[in-house]
Amino acid sequence: MDRRSFLKNSTIGAGAAAGAALAAPAYAQGNRTLTMVTTWGRGLAGVHDSAQRVADSITAMTDGALTVDLKAAGELVGAFEVFDAVTSGQADMYHGADYYFVGSHPGYAFFTAVPFGMTAQELANWYYHGDGAALHDELGQIFGLKSFLGGNTGAQSGGWFRNEINGPEDFQGLKFRMPGLGGQALGKMGASVQNLPGSEVYQALASGAIDGTEWIGPWADEKAGFQEITKIYYTAGFHEPGAGLSVATNRDVFEELSPAHQKIIEIASAECHQWNLAQFLANNGSALERLQSGGVTVREFPDSVWDAMGTAATATLDENMGDELFARIRESAMASMRQSSNWIQKSESAYRAQRDRVMG
């Protein structure tokens, strides 16, 4: 007989169980340092900022009872090793883009971005007022993680290219940096897709190891210096219409913390999600003007390319529908996206069109 059955079926056990229910949980006492590893090189505009803000906010709100020691990519583990570092207990928490970890489970893509998926507002609606947070947590339980959204880049650019893209055929053999399911979709269009950490992208583009790259948007791209290599820039992309960033804590570590400290990690992550989105959106417009003044030519993909991207994206998502959890995440996310989009199109989008027409 196991311990649970014994407690259920004995008078002594019932008394012990009642006593246990009244006892206060044991939480770690005293000050504690939590090691946060990240997928970002130190100083990468916006993304490293968001990791640092979460770390600083947790330290400040706990009055130093929790001190978060941030390790940028390569300082403790590599950018793509942070997931395993936290699940194994080598580090306590990570900040990163969860779509880097689709090899562990494809459902993680939805908590960053999937091709032709949710905008930043649609992601927030699903996450905070739909099933998103619960599904993120369900995924985390598999790997011993407690996860929250902890940043957002907003809509990302289509990327930097050495040559113009005039049709889908131009992706054949193109060596292009793009992670996640968007990268898998681009592979279906014939591209040779590379998954590189952000800190390695500039050198790969400059050396010719890749023919093009997406990164984030005008501000972060300008800071990275891609305009020094090529002047051809596509400003709308299919792959990350509102890329969420995540904070994940080793679940055993998280459960050792007091409820107040657990809530502080949750709130610090949520605050950074909004702060980081505003950071990118506040800086992108002026950065784009500077890029154009410096000779960068802004382009949009032709409809034939968008159509091919849509076909490839659907095929990529469909391939994963055999996984029950992936299927539930996709169905939930897309249902929420449709509902949010329906109202946004009739309200904000319609208003913006009229504002631009009337006010110029």
Protein backbone atom coordinates (compact mmCIF):
# COMPACT_ATOMS: atom_id res chain seq x y z
CA MET A 1 0.00 0.00 0.00
CA ASP A 2 1.40 3.43 -0.93
CA ARG A 3 1.52 6.36 1.46
CA ARG A 4 -1.48 8.13 -0.12
CA SER A 5 -3.72 5.04 0.30
CA PHE A 6 -2.52 4.54 3.85
CA LEU A 7 -3.41 8.10 4.83
CA LYS A 8 -6.81 7.84 3.19
CA ASN A 9 -7.79 4.59 4.90
CA SER A 10 -6.52 5.02 8.43
CA THR A 11 -7.77 7.17 11.28
CA ILE A 12 -4.21 8.01 12.25
CA GLY A 13 -3.46 8.94 8.69
CA ALA A 14 -6.54 11.17 8.50
CA GLY A 15 -5.37 13.06 11.55
CA ALA A 16 -1.87 13.38 10.16
CA ALA A 17 -3.24 14.59 6.83
CA ALA A 18 -5.35 17.20 8.58
CA GLY A 19 -2.32 18.38 10.52
CA ALA A 20 -0.27 18.55 7.34
CA ALA A 21 -2.98 20.63 5.68
CA LEU A 22 -2.75 23.18 8.48
CA ALA A 23 1.03 23.34 8.48
CA ALA A 24 2.62 26.26 6.61
CA PRO A 25 4.64 25.25 3.53
CA ALA A 26 8.39 25.37 3.95
CA TYR A 27 9.96 28.05 1.75
CA ALA A 28 13.60 28.92 1.37
CA GLN A 29 14.64 31.50 3.94
CA GLY A 30 17.18 34.33 3.69
CA ASN A 31 18.59 36.14 0.70
CA ARG A 32 19.14 34.17 -2.48
CA THR A 33 20.89 34.72 -5.80
CA LEU A 34 19.20 33.37 -8.92
CA THR A 35 21.34 32.88 -12.01
CA MET A 36 19.57 33.98 -15.19
CA VAL A 37 21.02 32.84 -18.52
CA THR A 38 19.85 34.42 -21.77
CA THR A 39 19.73 33.80 -25.49
CA TRP A 40 21.04 37.34 -26.07
CA GLY A 41 24.52 38.70 -26.45
CA ARG A 42 25.26 41.42 -23.92
CA GLY A 43 24.14 44.79 -25.25
CA LEU A 44 21.88 43.57 -28.08
CA ALA A 45 19.34 46.38 -28.41
CA GLY A 46 15.95 45.67 -26.89
CA VAL A 47 16.29 41.97 -26.25
CA HIS A 48 19.17 42.18 -23.78
CA ASP A 49 17.46 45.25 -22.33
CA SER A 50 14.34 43.24 -21.57
CA ALA A 51 16.30 40.48 -19.82
CA GLN A 52 18.13 43.08 -17.74
CA ARG A 53 14.89 44.84 -16.84
CA VAL A 54 13.30 41.63 -15.55
CA ALA A 55 16.42 40.83 -13.53
CA ASP A 56 16.62 44.33 -12.06
CA SER A 57 12.90 44.47 -11.31
CA ILE A 58 12.92 41.18 -9.39
CA THR A 59 15.94 42.31 -7.38
CA ALA A 60 14.38 45.70 -6.62
CA MET A 61 10.87 44.48 -5.77
CA THR A 62 12.20 41.83 -3.38
CA ASP A 63 14.49 44.45 -1.80
CA GLY A 64 17.43 42.20 -2.59
CA ALA A 65 15.97 39.07 -1.03
CA LEU A 66 16.20 37.68 -4.55
CA THR A 67 19.17 38.95 -6.52
CA VAL A 68 19.11 37.98 -10.18
CA ASP A 69 22.59 37.55 -11.66
CA LEU A 70 22.23 37.90 -15.43
CA LYS A 71 24.59 35.96 -17.68
CA ALA A 72 24.46 36.94 -21.33
CA ALA A 73 24.85 34.33 -24.07
CA GLY A 74 28.26 32.72 -23.87
CA GLU A 75 29.05 33.91 -20.36
CA LEU A 76 27.87 30.69 -18.71
CA VAL A 77 26.26 28.69 -21.53
CA GLY A 78 25.65 29.33 -25.21
CA ALA A 79 22.54 31.10 -26.49
CA PHE A 80 20.79 27.90 -27.55
CA GLU A 81 21.84 26.00 -24.41
CA VAL A 82 19.83 28.03 -21.90
CA PHE A 83 16.76 25.76 -22.02
CA ASP A 84 18.75 22.68 -21.06
CA ALA A 85 20.73 24.65 -18.48
CA VAL A 86 17.56 25.61 -16.62
CA THR A 87 15.77 22.28 -16.96
CA SER A 88 18.87 20.51 -15.61
CA GLY A 89 19.37 22.97 -12.74
CA GLN A 90 22.68 24.33 -14.02
CA ALA A 91 21.02 27.76 -14.01
CA ASP A 92 17.91 28.97 -12.19
CA MET A 93 16.10 30.85 -14.95
CA TYR A 94 16.40 32.00 -18.54
CA HIS A 95 15.21 34.90 -20.64
CA GLY A 96 14.89 34.18 -24.33
CA ALA A 97 12.77 33.48 -27.38
CA ASP A 98 10.98 30.18 -26.82
CA TYR A 99 10.84 29.37 -30.53
CA TYR A 100 14.54 28.53 -30.29
CA PHE A 101 13.39 25.41 -28.43
CA VAL A 102 10.95 23.90 -30.94
CA GLY A 103 13.28 20.89 -31.02
CA SER A 104 12.14 20.17 -27.46
CA HIS A 105 8.50 20.78 -28.35
CA PRO A 106 7.05 22.55 -31.42
CA GLY A 107 4.36 24.15 -29.26
CA TYR A 108 6.97 26.52 -27.87
CA ALA A 109 6.84 28.45 -31.15
CA PHE A 110 3.48 29.98 -30.25
CA PHE A 111 4.99 31.76 -27.25
CA THR A 112 7.35 33.65 -29.52
CA ALA A 113 5.74 33.66 -32.97
CA VAL A 114 4.54 31.39 -35.74
CA PRO A 115 4.35 32.37 -39.42
CA PHE A 116 1.14 34.26 -40.19
CA GLY A 117 0.35 34.18 -36.47
CA MET A 118 -0.56 36.74 -33.85
CA THR A 119 0.42 40.38 -33.57
CA ALA A 120 1.72 41.60 -30.22
CA GLN A 121 -1.74 42.72 -29.07
CA GLU A 122 -3.36 39.50 -30.23
CA LEU A 123 -0.70 37.48 -28.39
CA ALA A 124 -1.31 39.45 -25.19
CA ASN A 125 -5.08 38.97 -25.50
CA TRP A 126 -4.68 35.20 -25.84
CA TYR A 127 -2.03 34.92 -23.15
CA TYR A 128 -3.60 37.03 -20.42
CA HIS A 129 -7.31 36.61 -21.19
CA GLY A 130 -7.44 33.28 -23.00
CA ASP A 131 -5.75 29.90 -22.65
CA GLY A 132 -2.24 31.10 -23.49
CA ALA A 133 -0.74 31.33 -20.00
CA ALA A 134 -2.25 28.00 -18.94
CA LEU A 135 -0.94 26.26 -22.06
CA HIS A 136 2.52 27.80 -21.55
CA ASP A 137 2.46 26.40 -18.04
CA GLU A 138 1.32 22.98 -19.27
CA LEU A 139 4.29 22.90 -21.63
CA GLY A 140 6.59 24.00 -18.83
CA GLN A 141 5.46 21.18 -16.56
CA ILE A 142 6.79 18.66 -19.07
CA PHE A 143 10.27 20.13 -18.79
CA GLY A 144 10.29 21.28 -15.19
CA LEU A 145 9.83 24.98 -15.97
CA LYS A 146 7.56 27.79 -14.79
CA SER A 147 7.24 30.22 -17.69
CA PHE A 148 5.86 33.71 -18.30
CA LEU A 149 5.92 36.17 -21.19
CA GLY A 150 8.70 38.65 -20.50
CA GLY A 151 9.08 40.92 -23.53
CA ASN A 152 7.85 41.57 -27.06
CA THR A 153 9.53 43.01 -30.14
CA GLY A 154 6.34 43.88 -32.01
CA ALA A 155 6.12 43.12 -35.72
CA GLN A 156 9.47 42.13 -37.15
CA SER A 157 10.95 43.06 -40.50
CA GLY A 158 11.18 40.78 -43.50
CA GLY A 159 14.93 41.15 -43.45
CA TRP A 160 18.11 42.22 -45.21
CA PHE A 161 19.03 40.81 -48.61
CA ARG A 162 21.97 41.17 -50.96
CA ASN A 163 19.62 41.05 -53.95
CA GLU A 164 15.98 41.96 -54.54
CA ILE A 165 13.30 39.33 -54.10
CA ASN A 166 11.06 39.43 -57.18
CA GLY A 167 9.36 36.06 -56.82
CA PRO A 168 9.32 32.83 -54.78
CA GLU A 169 12.02 31.36 -57.03
CA ASP A 170 14.53 33.83 -55.58
CA PHE A 171 14.56 31.87 -52.33
CA GLN A 172 15.92 28.76 -54.05
CA GLY A 173 19.32 28.07 -52.51
CA LEU A 174 19.32 31.38 -50.61
CA LYS A 175 21.33 31.09 -47.38
CA PHE A 176 19.10 32.90 -44.92
CA ARG A 177 19.07 33.23 -41.14
CA MET A 178 15.60 32.61 -39.65
CA PRO A 179 14.79 30.53 -36.54
CA GLY A 180 11.58 28.79 -35.48
CA LEU A 181 8.73 27.52 -37.61
CA GLY A 182 9.15 30.52 -39.90
CA GLY A 183 12.57 29.20 -40.79
CA GLN A 184 11.13 25.76 -41.45
CA ALA A 185 8.54 27.33 -43.76
CA LEU A 186 11.22 29.26 -45.63
CA GLY A 187 13.07 25.98 -46.07
CA LYS A 188 10.03 24.61 -47.90
CA MET A 189 10.46 27.46 -50.37
CA GLY A 190 13.98 26.23 -51.18
CA ALA A 191 16.04 28.43 -48.86
CA SER A 192 19.05 27.06 -47.01
CA VAL A 193 17.96 28.18 -43.56
CA GLN A 194 20.49 28.98 -40.85
CA ASN A 195 19.62 29.25 -37.16
CA LEU A 196 22.22 31.58 -35.65
CA PRO A 197 22.29 33.37 -32.29
CA GLY A 198 21.79 37.10 -32.59
CA SER A 199 25.36 37.89 -31.59
CA GLU A 200 26.70 35.91 -34.57
CA VAL A 201 24.48 37.29 -37.32
CA TYR A 202 26.45 40.39 -38.34
CA GLN A 203 29.66 38.48 -38.91
CA ALA A 204 27.87 35.75 -40.86
CA LEU A 205 26.27 38.33 -43.16
CA ALA A 206 29.49 40.32 -43.56
CA SER A 207 31.55 37.24 -44.40
CA GLY A 208 29.07 35.88 -46.93
CA ALA A 209 28.28 32.81 -44.84
CA ILE A 210 24.65 33.87 -45.27
CA ASP A 211 23.01 35.80 -48.11
CA GLY A 212 20.45 37.52 -45.92
CA THR A 213 18.97 37.69 -42.47
CA GLU A 214 15.98 38.74 -40.47
CA TRP A 215 16.67 40.15 -37.04
CA ILE A 216 14.05 42.32 -35.36
CA GLY A 217 13.17 45.76 -36.73
CA PRO A 218 14.71 49.09 -37.74
CA TRP A 219 16.02 50.14 -34.32
CA ALA A 220 17.65 46.85 -33.33
CA ASP A 221 18.80 46.23 -36.91
CA GLU A 222 20.43 49.66 -37.11
CA LYS A 223 22.19 49.01 -33.80
CA ALA A 224 23.41 45.67 -35.17
CA GLY A 225 24.85 47.48 -38.20
CA PHE A 226 23.35 45.45 -41.04
CA GLN A 227 23.03 48.62 -43.15
CA GLU A 228 26.81 48.63 -43.37
CA ILE A 229 26.64 45.40 -45.41
CA THR A 230 23.58 45.76 -47.64
CA LYS A 231 21.04 48.45 -48.45
CA ILE A 232 18.09 46.21 -49.41
CA TYR A 233 15.57 46.00 -46.55
CA TYR A 234 12.13 44.39 -46.52
CA THR A 235 10.09 45.93 -43.74
CA ALA A 236 7.18 43.47 -43.39
CA GLY A 237 7.77 39.80 -42.69
CA PHE A 238 5.52 36.76 -42.46
CA HIS A 239 7.44 34.98 -39.73
CA GLU A 240 7.16 37.10 -36.54
CA PRO A 241 4.21 39.50 -36.50
CA GLY A 242 4.53 40.07 -32.73
CA ALA A 243 7.37 38.11 -31.22
CA GLY A 244 7.01 37.33 -27.52
CA LEU A 245 10.01 36.75 -25.26
CA SER A 246 9.87 34.50 -22.22
CA VAL A 247 11.12 34.20 -18.67
CA ALA A 248 11.35 30.61 -17.45
CA THR A 249 12.37 29.49 -13.96
CA ASN A 250 13.38 25.98 -12.96
CA ARG A 251 10.13 24.67 -11.47
CA ASP A 252 11.74 23.22 -8.34
CA VAL A 253 13.45 26.54 -7.70
CA PHE A 254 10.21 28.43 -8.32
CA GLU A 255 8.26 26.26 -5.90
CA GLU A 256 10.85 26.82 -3.18
CA LEU A 257 10.12 30.55 -3.29
CA SER A 258 7.47 32.24 -1.19
CA PRO A 259 4.14 33.10 -2.86
CA ALA A 260 5.14 36.78 -2.70
CA HIS A 261 8.40 36.14 -4.55
CA GLN A 262 6.66 33.92 -7.09
CA LYS A 263 4.20 36.72 -7.77
CA ILE A 264 7.01 39.23 -8.13
CA ILE A 265 8.61 37.11 -10.88
CA GLU A 266 5.23 36.93 -12.64
CA ILE A 267 4.59 40.67 -12.36
CA ALA A 268 8.14 41.68 -13.31
CA SER A 269 7.82 39.53 -16.44
CA ALA A 270 4.42 40.96 -17.39
CA GLU A 271 5.57 44.55 -16.82
CA CYS A 272 8.57 43.96 -19.05
CA HIS A 273 6.37 42.53 -21.79
CA GLN A 274 4.59 45.86 -22.14
CA TRP A 275 7.68 48.01 -21.48
CA ASN A 276 9.73 46.17 -24.07
CA LEU A 277 7.03 46.36 -26.74
CA ALA A 278 6.80 50.11 -26.21
CA GLN A 279 10.59 50.37 -26.35
CA PHE A 280 10.74 48.81 -29.81
CA LEU A 281 7.74 50.69 -31.18
CA ALA A 282 8.97 54.03 -29.81
CA ASN A 283 12.34 53.65 -31.55
CA ASN A 284 11.54 51.95 -34.85
CA GLY A 285 10.10 54.94 -36.70
CA SER A 286 13.04 57.27 -36.21
CA ALA A 287 15.51 54.45 -36.85
CA LEU A 288 13.85 53.68 -40.18
CA GLU A 289 14.16 57.34 -41.18
CA ARG A 290 17.87 57.26 -40.37
CA LEU A 291 18.37 54.06 -42.34
CA GLN A 292 16.65 55.54 -45.38
CA SER A 293 18.69 58.75 -45.07
CA GLY A 294 21.77 56.54 -45.12
CA GLY A 295 20.82 54.97 -48.43
CA VAL A 296 18.80 51.94 -47.34
CA THR A 297 16.00 51.12 -49.79
CA VAL A 298 12.76 49.94 -48.17
CA ARG A 299 10.86 47.27 -50.08
CA GLU A 300 7.84 45.00 -49.71
CA PHE A 301 7.58 41.43 -50.93
CA PRO A 302 5.34 40.98 -53.98
CA ASP A 303 2.04 39.15 -53.58
CA SER A 304 3.44 36.02 -55.23
CA VAL A 305 6.00 35.73 -52.43
CA TRP A 306 3.39 36.29 -49.73
CA ASP A 307 1.23 33.58 -51.32
CA ALA A 308 4.12 31.12 -51.38
CA MET A 309 4.98 31.97 -47.77
CA GLY A 310 1.37 31.31 -46.77
CA THR A 311 1.35 27.89 -48.43
CA ALA A 312 4.66 26.97 -46.79
CA ALA A 313 3.54 28.25 -43.39
CA THR A 314 0.33 26.21 -43.45
CA ALA A 315 2.22 23.07 -44.43
CA THR A 316 4.74 23.61 -41.61
CA LEU A 317 2.05 24.04 -38.97
CA ASP A 318 0.04 21.09 -40.31
CA GLU A 319 3.05 18.79 -40.02
CA ASN A 320 2.98 19.13 -36.24
CA MET A 321 -0.72 18.47 -35.73
CA GLY A 322 -0.03 14.85 -34.77
CA ASP A 323 1.17 16.14 -31.42
CA GLU A 324 -1.92 16.51 -29.22
CA LEU A 325 -0.61 19.42 -27.16
CA PHE A 326 0.61 21.29 -30.25
CA ALA A 327 -2.82 20.84 -31.82
CA ARG A 328 -4.56 22.25 -28.74
CA ILE A 329 -2.19 25.21 -28.56
CA ARG A 330 -2.64 25.98 -32.27
CA GLU A 331 -6.42 25.70 -32.16
CA SER A 332 -6.65 27.89 -29.06
CA ALA A 333 -4.25 30.53 -30.41
CA MET A 334 -5.89 30.76 -33.83
CA ALA A 335 -9.41 30.97 -32.40
CA SER A 336 -8.35 33.80 -30.10
CA MET A 337 -6.50 35.54 -32.96
CA ARG A 338 -9.57 35.48 -35.19
CA GLN A 339 -11.77 36.96 -32.46
CA SER A 340 -9.27 39.70 -31.60
CA SER A 341 -8.58 40.52 -35.24
CA ASN A 342 -12.28 40.81 -36.06
CA TRP A 343 -12.72 43.64 -33.55
CA ILE A 344 -9.38 45.32 -34.20
CA GLN A 345 -10.11 45.48 -37.93
CA LYS A 346 -13.49 47.11 -37.28
CA SER A 347 -12.20 49.55 -34.68
CA GLU A 348 -8.52 50.50 -34.54
CA SER A 349 -7.64 49.58 -38.14
CA ALA A 350 -10.65 51.44 -39.52
CA TYR A 351 -9.86 54.45 -37.34
CA ARG A 352 -6.22 54.57 -38.44
CA ALA A 353 -7.21 54.47 -42.10
CA GLN A 354 -9.59 57.40 -41.58
CA ARG A 355 -7.11 59.32 -39.44
CA ASP A 356 -4.46 59.03 -42.16
CA ARG A 357 -6.99 60.10 -44.82
CA VAL A 358 -8.38 63.06 -42.86
CA MET A 359 -5.32 64.29 -41.01
CA GLY A 360 -2.69 63.44 -43.59
